Amino acid sequence: MTTDFYFALTITAPIFTILGLGIFFKRIGLINDEFARVGADLVFKVTLPCLLFVKLVETDFRHQLPYLLIGYAIVATIVVFVVLDRLMTRWIASSVDRGVFVQGAFRGNMGIIGLAFCFSAFGNEVVAVASIYLAALTTLFNILSVMTLTRHNRTAGPSGNVQVFLEIGKNPLIIAIVIGVLVSLSRIPVPELLLTTGEYFARMTLPLALLCAGASIRLLEFKGDRALYWASVGKLLFVPLAITVGGVLIGLRGQELGVLYLMSSSPTAAASYPMALALGGNHHLAAAIIAMTTLGAVFFITLGVFVLRSLGLI
């Protein structure tokens, strides 16, 4: 049991140590809001796409596609979304809170924190599985988020929705994954200079992303709001529990089950804030959910990994 708990800590502790350092550096003035904003932008548009591209072009996708994992994750996410959007929102009075609650409860920060957990747990060998999962679920998350925010907020116009969907198509992570997979499948030789340069950028990704995520947390945004607490508990406990139990029942084990759990249990995505703002949702509530789930994940993910490891499932 001690060994299993130590294994769980070796996965989560480094990630949350860097997040904590981001909070600390912000408080002592070593980094500021502008650094966090520019750094996060650099990660999203440059370093993370480089990391994904470099790893993917070296992967043989003809023999490593996780069909069962991806298919199940898509179906499970849609089922969770329908339950949240059609049933759970009945207990939330304000219409501008409902879509934000749904988005906060199901949409995880897979590109930064989820991916960091996967690398921490399984190393570079997980890149193919995690990247395909990231591509499929990121696209689905964006579509479902637009649907729920539009449904619960009547002020969002058709032109605004079209613009959001166009932005989804221009997502640098999705573009990098698609290009990386196509290059890998076509066996087009990639110049060593390009791969080495991309690798330098890739090494910046996770430390910079986690520092910026920590610096962006607003502790003062916590408030006694029922939607905030239910969305946070849903994202940290109920949603990953339901998805992971389903994965166990269909036979997922080892690395694939680990990716499923770590991605589904990652805290609410930072991108949920600008999307809520763009579509007229309660963006203050969105920011509070991001902060609460990011801080709360240190306990819940460590506990979840410990349980899965103790049961011999990962």
C-alpha atoms as a PDB file:
ATOM      1  CA  MET A   1       0.000   0.000   0.000  1.00  0.00           C
ATOM      2  CA  THR A   2       2.867   2.350   0.810  1.00  0.00           C
ATOM      3  CA  THR A   3       4.392   1.628  -2.584  1.00  0.00           C
ATOM      4  CA  ASP A   4       1.102   2.408  -4.325  1.00  0.00           C
ATOM      5  CA  PHE A   5       0.738   5.686  -2.451  1.00  0.00           C
ATOM      6  CA  TYR A   6       4.316   6.651  -3.304  1.00  0.00           C
ATOM      7  CA  PHE A   7       3.621   5.875  -6.974  1.00  0.00           C
ATOM      8  CA  ALA A   8       0.581   8.179  -6.873  1.00  0.00           C
ATOM      9  CA  LEU A   9       2.632  10.969  -5.301  1.00  0.00           C
ATOM     10  CA  THR A  10       5.419  10.640  -7.874  1.00  0.00           C
ATOM     11  CA  ILE A  11       2.825  11.402 -10.561  1.00  0.00           C
ATOM     12  CA  THR A  12       0.962  14.273  -8.919  1.00  0.00           C
ATOM     13  CA  ALA A  13       3.478  15.951  -6.611  1.00  0.00           C
ATOM     14  CA  PRO A  14       5.822  17.373  -9.301  1.00  0.00           C
ATOM     15  CA  ILE A  15       2.884  18.808 -11.252  1.00  0.00           C
ATOM     16  CA  PHE A  16       1.341  20.565  -8.286  1.00  0.00           C
ATOM     17  CA  THR A  17       4.713  21.688  -6.957  1.00  0.00           C
ATOM     18  CA  ILE A  18       5.214  23.697 -10.154  1.00  0.00           C
ATOM     19  CA  LEU A  19       1.625  24.991  -9.963  1.00  0.00           C
ATOM     20  CA  GLY A  20       2.314  26.063  -6.379  1.00  0.00           C
ATOM     21  CA  LEU A  21       5.525  27.774  -7.439  1.00  0.00           C
ATOM     22  CA  GLY A  22       3.508  29.696 -10.029  1.00  0.00           C
ATOM     23  CA  ILE A  23       1.230  30.973  -7.242  1.00  0.00           C
ATOM     24  CA  PHE A  24       4.237  31.777  -5.034  1.00  0.00           C
ATOM     25  CA  PHE A  25       6.231  33.554  -7.754  1.00  0.00           C
ATOM     26  CA  LYS A  26       3.167  35.652  -8.558  1.00  0.00           C
ATOM     27  CA  ARG A  27       2.741  36.668  -4.908  1.00  0.00           C
ATOM     28  CA  ILE A  28       6.383  37.772  -4.518  1.00  0.00           C
ATOM     29  CA  GLY A  29       6.335  39.655  -7.829  1.00  0.00           C
ATOM     30  CA  LEU A  30       8.781  37.422  -9.691  1.00  0.00           C
ATOM     31  CA  ILE A  31       6.155  36.908 -12.393  1.00  0.00           C
ATOM     32  CA  ASN A  32       3.010  38.909 -13.108  1.00  0.00           C
ATOM     33  CA  ASP A  33      -0.295  38.723 -14.986  1.00  0.00           C
ATOM     34  CA  GLU A  34       1.336  39.798 -18.243  1.00  0.00           C
ATOM     35  CA  PHE A  35       3.918  37.010 -17.977  1.00  0.00           C
ATOM     36  CA  ALA A  36       1.149  34.466 -17.310  1.00  0.00           C
ATOM     37  CA  ARG A  37      -0.888  35.719 -20.258  1.00  0.00           C
ATOM     38  CA  VAL A  38       2.011  35.820 -22.732  1.00  0.00           C
ATOM     39  CA  GLY A  39       3.447  32.536 -21.456  1.00  0.00           C
ATOM     40  CA  ALA A  40       0.122  30.736 -21.763  1.00  0.00           C
ATOM     41  CA  ASP A  41      -0.275  32.130 -25.284  1.00  0.00           C
ATOM     42  CA  LEU A  42       3.225  30.917 -26.206  1.00  0.00           C
ATOM     43  CA  VAL A  43       2.460  27.442 -24.863  1.00  0.00           C
ATOM     44  CA  PHE A  44      -0.871  27.205 -26.675  1.00  0.00           C
ATOM     45  CA  LYS A  45       0.355  28.512 -30.029  1.00  0.00           C
ATOM     46  CA  VAL A  46       3.978  27.335 -30.194  1.00  0.00           C
ATOM     47  CA  THR A  47       5.557  25.032 -27.622  1.00  0.00           C
ATOM     48  CA  LEU A  48       2.719  22.541 -27.053  1.00  0.00           C
ATOM     49  CA  PRO A  49       2.031  22.135 -30.788  1.00  0.00           C
ATOM     50  CA  CYS A  50       5.793  21.567 -31.253  1.00  0.00           C
ATOM     51  CA  LEU A  51       5.804  18.916 -28.520  1.00  0.00           C
ATOM     52  CA  LEU A  52       2.870  17.082 -30.068  1.00  0.00           C
ATOM     53  CA  PHE A  53       4.221  17.304 -33.623  1.00  0.00           C
ATOM     54  CA  VAL A  54       7.725  16.110 -32.739  1.00  0.00           C
ATOM     55  CA  LYS A  55       6.453  13.129 -30.765  1.00  0.00           C
ATOM     56  CA  LEU A  56       3.776  12.186 -33.275  1.00  0.00           C
ATOM     57  CA  VAL A  57       5.993  12.102 -36.381  1.00  0.00           C
ATOM     58  CA  GLU A  58       8.104   9.467 -34.603  1.00  0.00           C
ATOM     59  CA  THR A  59       5.076   7.283 -33.786  1.00  0.00           C
ATOM     60  CA  ASP A  60       3.809   4.369 -35.879  1.00  0.00           C
ATOM     61  CA  PHE A  61       0.062   5.013 -35.992  1.00  0.00           C
ATOM     62  CA  ARG A  62      -0.598   2.032 -38.226  1.00  0.00           C
ATOM     63  CA  HIS A  63      -0.259  -0.254 -35.194  1.00  0.00           C
ATOM     64  CA  GLN A  64      -0.902   1.982 -32.182  1.00  0.00           C
ATOM     65  CA  LEU A  65      -4.375   3.489 -32.584  1.00  0.00           C
ATOM     66  CA  PRO A  66      -6.400   3.029 -29.356  1.00  0.00           C
ATOM     67  CA  TYR A  67      -9.793   2.495 -31.004  1.00  0.00           C
ATOM     68  CA  LEU A  68     -11.583   1.144 -27.925  1.00  0.00           C
ATOM     69  CA  LEU A  69     -10.291   3.899 -25.640  1.00  0.00           C
ATOM     70  CA  ILE A  70     -11.169   6.767 -27.987  1.00  0.00           C
ATOM     71  CA  GLY A  71     -14.543   5.350 -28.959  1.00  0.00           C
ATOM     72  CA  TYR A  72     -15.512   4.760 -25.353  1.00  0.00           C
ATOM     73  CA  ALA A  73     -14.247   8.198 -24.225  1.00  0.00           C
ATOM     74  CA  ILE A  74     -16.354   9.951 -26.870  1.00  0.00           C
ATOM     75  CA  VAL A  75     -19.515   8.025 -25.973  1.00  0.00           C
ATOM     76  CA  ALA A  76     -18.949   8.426 -22.215  1.00  0.00           C
ATOM     77  CA  THR A  77     -18.346  12.171 -22.560  1.00  0.00           C
ATOM     78  CA  ILE A  78     -21.546  12.642 -24.555  1.00  0.00           C
ATOM     79  CA  VAL A  79     -23.546  10.659 -21.978  1.00  0.00           C
ATOM     80  CA  VAL A  80     -22.080  12.721 -19.104  1.00  0.00           C
ATOM     81  CA  PHE A  81     -22.811  15.917 -21.008  1.00  0.00           C
ATOM     82  CA  VAL A  82     -26.456  14.963 -21.598  1.00  0.00           C
ATOM     83  CA  VAL A  83     -26.956  14.112 -17.915  1.00  0.00           C
ATOM     84  CA  LEU A  84     -25.412  17.409 -16.813  1.00  0.00           C
ATOM     85  CA  ASP A  85     -27.119  19.569 -19.430  1.00  0.00           C
ATOM     86  CA  ARG A  86     -30.589  18.032 -19.329  1.00  0.00           C
ATOM     87  CA  LEU A  87     -30.954  16.897 -15.714  1.00  0.00           C
ATOM     88  CA  MET A  88     -28.550  18.635 -13.342  1.00  0.00           C
ATOM     89  CA  THR A  89     -29.179  22.168 -14.613  1.00  0.00           C
ATOM     90  CA  ARG A  90     -32.775  22.014 -13.335  1.00  0.00           C
ATOM     91  CA  TRP A  91     -31.491  22.869  -9.854  1.00  0.00           C
ATOM     92  CA  ILE A  92     -29.654  26.019 -10.996  1.00  0.00           C
ATOM     93  CA  ALA A  93     -31.869  29.106 -10.964  1.00  0.00           C
ATOM     94  CA  SER A  94     -29.872  31.533 -13.125  1.00  0.00           C
ATOM     95  CA  SER A  95     -29.798  30.777 -16.854  1.00  0.00           C
ATOM     96  CA  VAL A  96     -26.368  32.392 -17.316  1.00  0.00           C
ATOM     97  CA  ASP A  97     -24.953  29.959 -14.722  1.00  0.00           C
ATOM     98  CA  ARG A  98     -26.312  26.756 -16.248  1.00  0.00           C
ATOM     99  CA  GLY A  99     -24.124  26.454 -19.326  1.00  0.00           C
ATOM    100  CA  VAL A 100     -21.060  27.509 -17.328  1.00  0.00           C
ATOM    101  CA  PHE A 101     -21.865  24.837 -14.721  1.00  0.00           C
ATOM    102  CA  VAL A 102     -22.126  22.138 -17.400  1.00  0.00           C
ATOM    103  CA  GLN A 103     -18.918  23.215 -19.131  1.00  0.00           C
ATOM    104  CA  GLY A 104     -17.040  23.443 -15.845  1.00  0.00           C
ATOM    105  CA  ALA A 105     -18.122  19.953 -14.792  1.00  0.00           C
ATOM    106  CA  PHE A 106     -17.132  18.021 -17.930  1.00  0.00           C
ATOM    107  CA  ARG A 107     -14.443  20.015 -19.785  1.00  0.00           C
ATOM    108  CA  GLY A 108     -10.943  19.172 -18.561  1.00  0.00           C
ATOM    109  CA  ASN A 109      -7.582  20.879 -18.987  1.00  0.00           C
ATOM    110  CA  MET A 110      -6.170  17.949 -20.956  1.00  0.00           C
ATOM    111  CA  GLY A 111      -3.704  19.886 -23.106  1.00  0.00           C
ATOM    112  CA  ILE A 112      -1.644  21.077 -20.147  1.00  0.00           C
ATOM    113  CA  ILE A 113      -2.394  19.337 -16.859  1.00  0.00           C
ATOM    114  CA  GLY A 114      -3.878  16.103 -18.216  1.00  0.00           C
ATOM    115  CA  LEU A 115      -0.987  15.641 -20.633  1.00  0.00           C
ATOM    116  CA  ALA A 116       1.515  16.468 -17.885  1.00  0.00           C
ATOM    117  CA  PHE A 117       0.031  13.738 -15.687  1.00  0.00           C
ATOM    118  CA  CYS A 118       0.188  11.213 -18.506  1.00  0.00           C
ATOM    119  CA  PHE A 119       3.851  11.945 -19.207  1.00  0.00           C
ATOM    120  CA  SER A 120       4.616  11.835 -15.489  1.00  0.00           C
ATOM    121  CA  ALA A 121       2.938   8.443 -15.128  1.00  0.00           C
ATOM    122  CA  PHE A 122       3.987   6.657 -18.318  1.00  0.00           C
ATOM    123  CA  GLY A 123       6.801   8.666 -19.937  1.00  0.00           C
ATOM    124  CA  ASN A 124       7.217   9.420 -23.631  1.00  0.00           C
ATOM    125  CA  GLU A 125       5.732   6.081 -24.683  1.00  0.00           C
ATOM    126  CA  VAL A 126       2.265   7.435 -23.878  1.00  0.00           C
ATOM    127  CA  VAL A 127       2.427  10.231 -26.463  1.00  0.00           C
ATOM    128  CA  ALA A 128       0.548   8.417 -29.236  1.00  0.00           C
ATOM    129  CA  VAL A 129      -2.374   7.361 -27.040  1.00  0.00           C
ATOM    130  CA  ALA A 130      -2.562  10.672 -25.169  1.00  0.00           C
ATOM    131  CA  SER A 131      -2.288  12.805 -28.321  1.00  0.00           C
ATOM    132  CA  ILE A 132      -5.044  10.992 -30.207  1.00  0.00           C
ATOM    133  CA  TYR A 133      -7.214  11.191 -27.085  1.00  0.00           C
ATOM    134  CA  LEU A 134      -6.427  14.891 -26.801  1.00  0.00           C
ATOM    135  CA  ALA A 135      -7.304  15.588 -30.441  1.00  0.00           C
ATOM    136  CA  ALA A 136     -10.620  13.749 -30.389  1.00  0.00           C
ATOM    137  CA  LEU A 137     -11.831  14.974 -27.012  1.00  0.00           C
ATOM    138  CA  THR A 138     -10.653  18.582 -27.426  1.00  0.00           C
ATOM    139  CA  THR A 139     -12.750  18.881 -30.558  1.00  0.00           C
ATOM    140  CA  LEU A 140     -15.742  17.278 -28.837  1.00  0.00           C
ATOM    141  CA  PHE A 141     -15.349  19.466 -25.733  1.00  0.00           C
ATOM    142  CA  ASN A 142     -15.434  22.623 -27.811  1.00  0.00           C
ATOM    143  CA  ILE A 143     -18.546  21.565 -29.723  1.00  0.00           C
ATOM    144  CA  LEU A 144     -20.434  20.526 -26.582  1.00  0.00           C
ATOM    145  CA  SER A 145     -19.428  23.727 -24.789  1.00  0.00           C
ATOM    146  CA  VAL A 146     -20.848  25.854 -27.592  1.00  0.00           C
ATOM    147  CA  MET A 147     -24.060  23.812 -27.477  1.00  0.00           C
ATOM    148  CA  THR A 148     -24.669  24.178 -23.744  1.00  0.00           C
ATOM    149  CA  LEU A 149     -23.688  27.844 -23.496  1.00  0.00           C
ATOM    150  CA  THR A 150     -25.900  28.696 -26.458  1.00  0.00           C
ATOM    151  CA  ARG A 151     -28.846  26.655 -25.187  1.00  0.00           C
ATOM    152  CA  HIS A 152     -28.851  28.288 -21.759  1.00  0.00           C
ATOM    153  CA  ASN A 153     -28.044  31.804 -22.917  1.00  0.00           C
ATOM    154  CA  ARG A 154     -30.474  33.222 -25.454  1.00  0.00           C
ATOM    155  CA  THR A 155     -28.392  36.369 -26.057  1.00  0.00           C
ATOM    156  CA  ALA A 156     -25.768  34.551 -28.093  1.00  0.00           C
ATOM    157  CA  GLY A 157     -26.415  35.194 -31.771  1.00  0.00           C
ATOM    158  CA  PRO A 158     -25.862  32.825 -34.715  1.00  0.00           C
ATOM    159  CA  SER A 159     -22.903  34.815 -36.018  1.00  0.00           C
ATOM    160  CA  GLY A 160     -21.178  34.489 -32.642  1.00  0.00           C
ATOM    161  CA  ASN A 161     -21.657  30.714 -32.690  1.00  0.00           C
ATOM    162  CA  VAL A 162     -20.232  30.461 -36.221  1.00  0.00           C
ATOM    163  CA  GLN A 163     -17.180  32.433 -35.126  1.00  0.00           C
ATOM    164  CA  VAL A 164     -16.586  30.104 -32.171  1.00  0.00           C
ATOM    165  CA  PHE A 165     -16.756  27.034 -34.430  1.00  0.00           C
ATOM    166  CA  LEU A 166     -14.311  28.673 -36.850  1.00  0.00           C
ATOM    167  CA  GLU A 167     -11.917  29.226 -33.959  1.00  0.00           C
ATOM    168  CA  ILE A 168     -12.191  25.527 -33.084  1.00  0.00           C
ATOM    169  CA  GLY A 169     -11.002  24.692 -36.600  1.00  0.00           C
ATOM    170  CA  LYS A 170      -7.989  26.989 -36.120  1.00  0.00           C
ATOM    171  CA  ASN A 171      -6.984  25.425 -32.784  1.00  0.00           C
ATOM    172  CA  PRO A 172      -3.142  25.050 -32.935  1.00  0.00           C
ATOM    173  CA  LEU A 173      -3.224  21.805 -30.952  1.00  0.00           C
ATOM    174  CA  ILE A 174      -5.654  20.143 -33.335  1.00  0.00           C
ATOM    175  CA  ILE A 175      -3.700  21.415 -36.354  1.00  0.00           C
ATOM    176  CA  ALA A 176      -0.387  20.133 -34.940  1.00  0.00           C
ATOM    177  CA  ILE A 177      -1.871  16.712 -34.161  1.00  0.00           C
ATOM    178  CA  VAL A 178      -3.436  16.354 -37.610  1.00  0.00           C
ATOM    179  CA  ILE A 179      -0.210  17.351 -39.388  1.00  0.00           C
ATOM    180  CA  GLY A 180       1.896  15.111 -37.140  1.00  0.00           C
ATOM    181  CA  VAL A 181      -0.342  12.102 -37.761  1.00  0.00           C
ATOM    182  CA  LEU A 182      -0.431  12.707 -41.523  1.00  0.00           C
ATOM    183  CA  VAL A 183       3.371  13.025 -41.715  1.00  0.00           C
ATOM    184  CA  SER A 184       3.767   9.855 -39.664  1.00  0.00           C
ATOM    185  CA  LEU A 185       1.328   7.879 -41.821  1.00  0.00           C
ATOM    186  CA  SER A 186       2.831   9.130 -45.085  1.00  0.00           C
ATOM    187  CA  ARG A 187       6.386   8.430 -43.920  1.00  0.00           C
ATOM    188  CA  ILE A 188       7.566  11.805 -45.211  1.00  0.00           C
ATOM    189  CA  PRO A 189      11.136  12.345 -43.917  1.00  0.00           C
ATOM    190  CA  VAL A 190      11.402  15.288 -41.528  1.00  0.00           C
ATOM    191  CA  PRO A 191      14.738  17.196 -41.512  1.00  0.00           C
ATOM    192  CA  GLU A 192      16.751  16.608 -38.356  1.00  0.00           C
ATOM    193  CA  LEU A 193      17.186  20.378 -37.933  1.00  0.00           C
ATOM    194  CA  LEU A 194      13.406  20.804 -37.716  1.00  0.00           C
ATOM    195  CA  LEU A 195      13.026  17.966 -35.216  1.00  0.00           C
ATOM    196  CA  THR A 196      15.848  19.266 -32.997  1.00  0.00           C
ATOM    197  CA  THR A 197      14.449  22.804 -33.011  1.00  0.00           C
ATOM    198  CA  GLY A 198      10.993  21.484 -32.239  1.00  0.00           C
ATOM    199  CA  GLU A 199      12.403  19.399 -29.390  1.00  0.00           C
ATOM    200  CA  TYR A 200      13.928  22.505 -27.774  1.00  0.00           C
ATOM    201  CA  PHE A 201      10.538  24.204 -27.841  1.00  0.00           C
ATOM    202  CA  ALA A 202       8.847  21.010 -26.620  1.00  0.00           C
ATOM    203  CA  ARG A 203      11.013  20.886 -23.494  1.00  0.00           C
ATOM    204  CA  MET A 204       9.709  24.326 -22.479  1.00  0.00           C
ATOM    205  CA  THR A 205       6.082  23.281 -22.624  1.00  0.00           C
ATOM    206  CA  LEU A 206       5.101  21.642 -19.353  1.00  0.00           C
ATOM    207  CA  PRO A 207       7.153  23.746 -16.886  1.00  0.00           C
ATOM    208  CA  LEU A 208       6.120  27.020 -18.534  1.00  0.00           C
ATOM    209  CA  ALA A 209       2.482  25.947 -18.875  1.00  0.00           C
ATOM    210  CA  LEU A 210       2.211  24.878 -15.237  1.00  0.00           C
ATOM    211  CA  LEU A 211       3.904  28.035 -13.935  1.00  0.00           C
ATOM    212  CA  CYS A 212       1.489  30.182 -15.944  1.00  0.00           C
ATOM    213  CA  ALA A 213      -1.488  28.112 -14.799  1.00  0.00           C
ATOM    214  CA  GLY A 214      -0.462  28.603 -11.172  1.00  0.00           C
ATOM    215  CA  ALA A 215       0.074  32.335 -11.637  1.00  0.00           C
ATOM    216  CA  SER A 216      -3.384  32.630 -13.210  1.00  0.00           C
ATOM    217  CA  ILE A 217      -5.258  31.169 -10.221  1.00  0.00           C
ATOM    218  CA  ARG A 218      -7.384  33.769  -8.410  1.00  0.00           C
ATOM    219  CA  LEU A 219      -7.914  32.636  -4.838  1.00  0.00           C
ATOM    220  CA  LEU A 220     -10.273  35.550  -4.092  1.00  0.00           C
ATOM    221  CA  GLU A 221     -12.763  34.369  -6.716  1.00  0.00           C
ATOM    222  CA  PHE A 222     -14.111  31.597  -4.478  1.00  0.00           C
ATOM    223  CA  LYS A 223     -17.574  32.393  -3.236  1.00  0.00           C
ATOM    224  CA  GLY A 224     -20.549  30.611  -1.737  1.00  0.00           C
ATOM    225  CA  ASP A 225     -22.280  29.697  -4.973  1.00  0.00           C
ATOM    226  CA  ARG A 226     -24.075  26.351  -5.309  1.00  0.00           C
ATOM    227  CA  ALA A 227     -23.239  26.062  -9.028  1.00  0.00           C
ATOM    228  CA  LEU A 228     -19.550  26.602  -8.210  1.00  0.00           C
ATOM    229  CA  TYR A 229     -19.413  23.838  -5.621  1.00  0.00           C
ATOM    230  CA  TRP A 230     -21.473  21.305  -7.580  1.00  0.00           C
ATOM    231  CA  ALA A 231     -19.492  21.890 -10.780  1.00  0.00           C
ATOM    232  CA  SER A 232     -16.220  21.492  -8.883  1.00  0.00           C
ATOM    233  CA  VAL A 233     -17.273  18.295  -7.108  1.00  0.00           C
ATOM    234  CA  GLY A 234     -18.613  16.940 -10.391  1.00  0.00           C
ATOM    235  CA  LYS A 235     -15.360  17.664 -12.251  1.00  0.00           C
ATOM    236  CA  LEU A 236     -13.097  16.342  -9.509  1.00  0.00           C
ATOM    237  CA  LEU A 237     -15.090  13.315  -8.340  1.00  0.00           C
ATOM    238  CA  PHE A 238     -18.322  12.245 -10.023  1.00  0.00           C
ATOM    239  CA  VAL A 239     -17.414  12.675 -13.715  1.00  0.00           C
ATOM    240  CA  PRO A 240     -13.990  10.925 -13.597  1.00  0.00           C
ATOM    241  CA  LEU A 241     -15.432   8.226 -11.323  1.00  0.00           C
ATOM    242  CA  ALA A 242     -18.281   7.440 -13.726  1.00  0.00           C
ATOM    243  CA  ILE A 243     -16.053   7.495 -16.820  1.00  0.00           C
ATOM    244  CA  THR A 244     -13.294   5.399 -15.222  1.00  0.00           C
ATOM    245  CA  VAL A 245     -15.656   2.765 -13.804  1.00  0.00           C
ATOM    246  CA  GLY A 246     -17.168   2.426 -17.276  1.00  0.00           C
ATOM    247  CA  GLY A 247     -13.682   2.025 -18.733  1.00  0.00           C
ATOM    248  CA  VAL A 248     -12.904  -0.757 -16.270  1.00  0.00           C
ATOM    249  CA  LEU A 249     -16.172  -2.526 -17.127  1.00  0.00           C
ATOM    250  CA  ILE A 250     -15.403  -2.579 -20.864  1.00  0.00           C
ATOM    251  CA  GLY A 251     -11.942  -4.008 -20.218  1.00  0.00           C
ATOM    252  CA  LEU A 252      -9.538  -1.061 -20.322  1.00  0.00           C
ATOM    253  CA  ARG A 253      -6.414  -1.639 -18.248  1.00  0.00           C
ATOM    254  CA  GLY A 254      -2.873  -0.346 -17.801  1.00  0.00           C
ATOM    255  CA  GLN A 255      -1.736   2.656 -19.812  1.00  0.00           C
ATOM    256  CA  GLU A 256      -5.049   3.178 -21.624  1.00  0.00           C
ATOM    257  CA  LEU A 257      -7.070   3.163 -18.396  1.00  0.00           C
ATOM    258  CA  GLY A 258      -4.482   5.488 -16.854  1.00  0.00           C
ATOM    259  CA  VAL A 259      -4.838   7.946 -19.733  1.00  0.00           C
ATOM    260  CA  LEU A 260      -8.633   7.753 -19.470  1.00  0.00           C
ATOM    261  CA  TYR A 261      -8.573   8.519 -15.748  1.00  0.00           C
ATOM    262  CA  LEU A 262      -5.882  11.217 -15.798  1.00  0.00           C
ATOM    263  CA  MET A 263      -7.447  13.062 -18.731  1.00  0.00           C
ATOM    264  CA  SER A 264     -11.021  12.859 -17.389  1.00  0.00           C
ATOM    265  CA  SER A 265      -9.966  13.933 -13.884  1.00  0.00           C
ATOM    266  CA  SER A 266      -7.911  16.943 -15.006  1.00  0.00           C
ATOM    267  CA  PRO A 267      -9.266  20.255 -13.624  1.00  0.00           C
ATOM    268  CA  THR A 268     -11.569  22.490 -15.648  1.00  0.00           C
ATOM    269  CA  ALA A 269      -9.953  23.848 -18.815  1.00  0.00           C
ATOM    270  CA  ALA A 270      -8.777  27.464 -18.787  1.00  0.00           C
ATOM    271  CA  ALA A 271     -10.377  27.854 -22.231  1.00  0.00           C
ATOM    272  CA  SER A 272     -13.807  27.594 -20.598  1.00  0.00           C
ATOM    273  CA  TYR A 273     -13.423  31.176 -19.338  1.00  0.00           C
ATOM    274  CA  PRO A 274     -13.067  32.973 -22.710  1.00  0.00           C
ATOM    275  CA  MET A 275     -15.757  30.763 -24.249  1.00  0.00           C
ATOM    276  CA  ALA A 276     -18.200  31.628 -21.448  1.00  0.00           C
ATOM    277  CA  LEU A 277     -17.347  35.295 -21.929  1.00  0.00           C
ATOM    278  CA  ALA A 278     -17.820  35.109 -25.714  1.00  0.00           C
ATOM    279  CA  LEU A 279     -21.201  33.390 -25.464  1.00  0.00           C
ATOM    280  CA  GLY A 280     -22.668  35.490 -22.664  1.00  0.00           C
ATOM    281  CA  GLY A 281     -22.310  33.043 -19.753  1.00  0.00           C
ATOM    282  CA  ASN A 282     -21.299  33.938 -16.208  1.00  0.00           C
ATOM    283  CA  HIS A 283     -17.550  34.232 -16.838  1.00  0.00           C
ATOM    284  CA  HIS A 284     -16.865  35.076 -13.184  1.00  0.00           C
ATOM    285  CA  LEU A 285     -18.325  31.711 -12.207  1.00  0.00           C
ATOM    286  CA  ALA A 286     -16.221  30.058 -14.928  1.00  0.00           C
ATOM    287  CA  ALA A 287     -13.030  31.584 -13.487  1.00  0.00           C
ATOM    288  CA  ALA A 288     -13.937  30.434  -9.965  1.00  0.00           C
ATOM    289  CA  ILE A 289     -14.568  26.850 -11.162  1.00  0.00           C
ATOM    290  CA  ILE A 290     -11.175  26.797 -12.914  1.00  0.00           C
ATOM    291  CA  ALA A 291      -9.427  27.975  -9.734  1.00  0.00           C
ATOM    292  CA  MET A 292     -11.242  25.617  -7.359  1.00  0.00           C
ATOM    293  CA  THR A 293     -10.797  22.500  -9.500  1.00  0.00           C
ATOM    294  CA  THR A 294      -7.132  23.265 -10.190  1.00  0.00           C
ATOM    295  CA  LEU A 295      -6.379  23.457  -6.478  1.00  0.00           C
ATOM    296  CA  GLY A 296      -8.670  20.581  -5.495  1.00  0.00           C
ATOM    297  CA  ALA A 297      -7.235  18.204  -8.090  1.00  0.00           C
ATOM    298  CA  VAL A 298      -4.054  17.677  -6.023  1.00  0.00           C
ATOM    299  CA  PHE A 299      -6.033  15.593  -3.518  1.00  0.00           C
ATOM    300  CA  PHE A 300      -8.544  13.862  -5.788  1.00  0.00           C
ATOM    301  CA  ILE A 301      -6.110  12.785  -8.525  1.00  0.00           C
ATOM    302  CA  THR A 302      -3.578  11.459  -5.996  1.00  0.00           C
ATOM    303  CA  LEU A 303      -6.369   9.469  -4.337  1.00  0.00           C
ATOM    304  CA  GLY A 304      -7.658   8.167  -7.672  1.00  0.00           C
ATOM    305  CA  VAL A 305      -4.240   7.021  -8.889  1.00  0.00           C
ATOM    306  CA  PHE A 306      -3.617   5.361  -5.512  1.00  0.00           C
ATOM    307  CA  VAL A 307      -6.901   3.407  -5.709  1.00  0.00           C
ATOM    308  CA  LEU A 308      -6.356   2.313  -9.322  1.00  0.00           C
ATOM    309  CA  ARG A 309      -2.786   1.264  -8.537  1.00  0.00           C
ATOM    310  CA  SER A 310      -3.839  -0.619  -5.392  1.00  0.00           C
ATOM    311  CA  LEU A 311      -6.430  -2.562  -7.399  1.00  0.00           C
ATOM    312  CA  GLY A 312      -3.817  -3.458 -10.024  1.00  0.00           C
ATOM    313  CA  LEU A 313      -5.711  -1.656 -12.800  1.00  0.00           C
ATOM    314  CA  ILE A 314      -2.865   0.648 -13.933  1.00  0.00           C
END
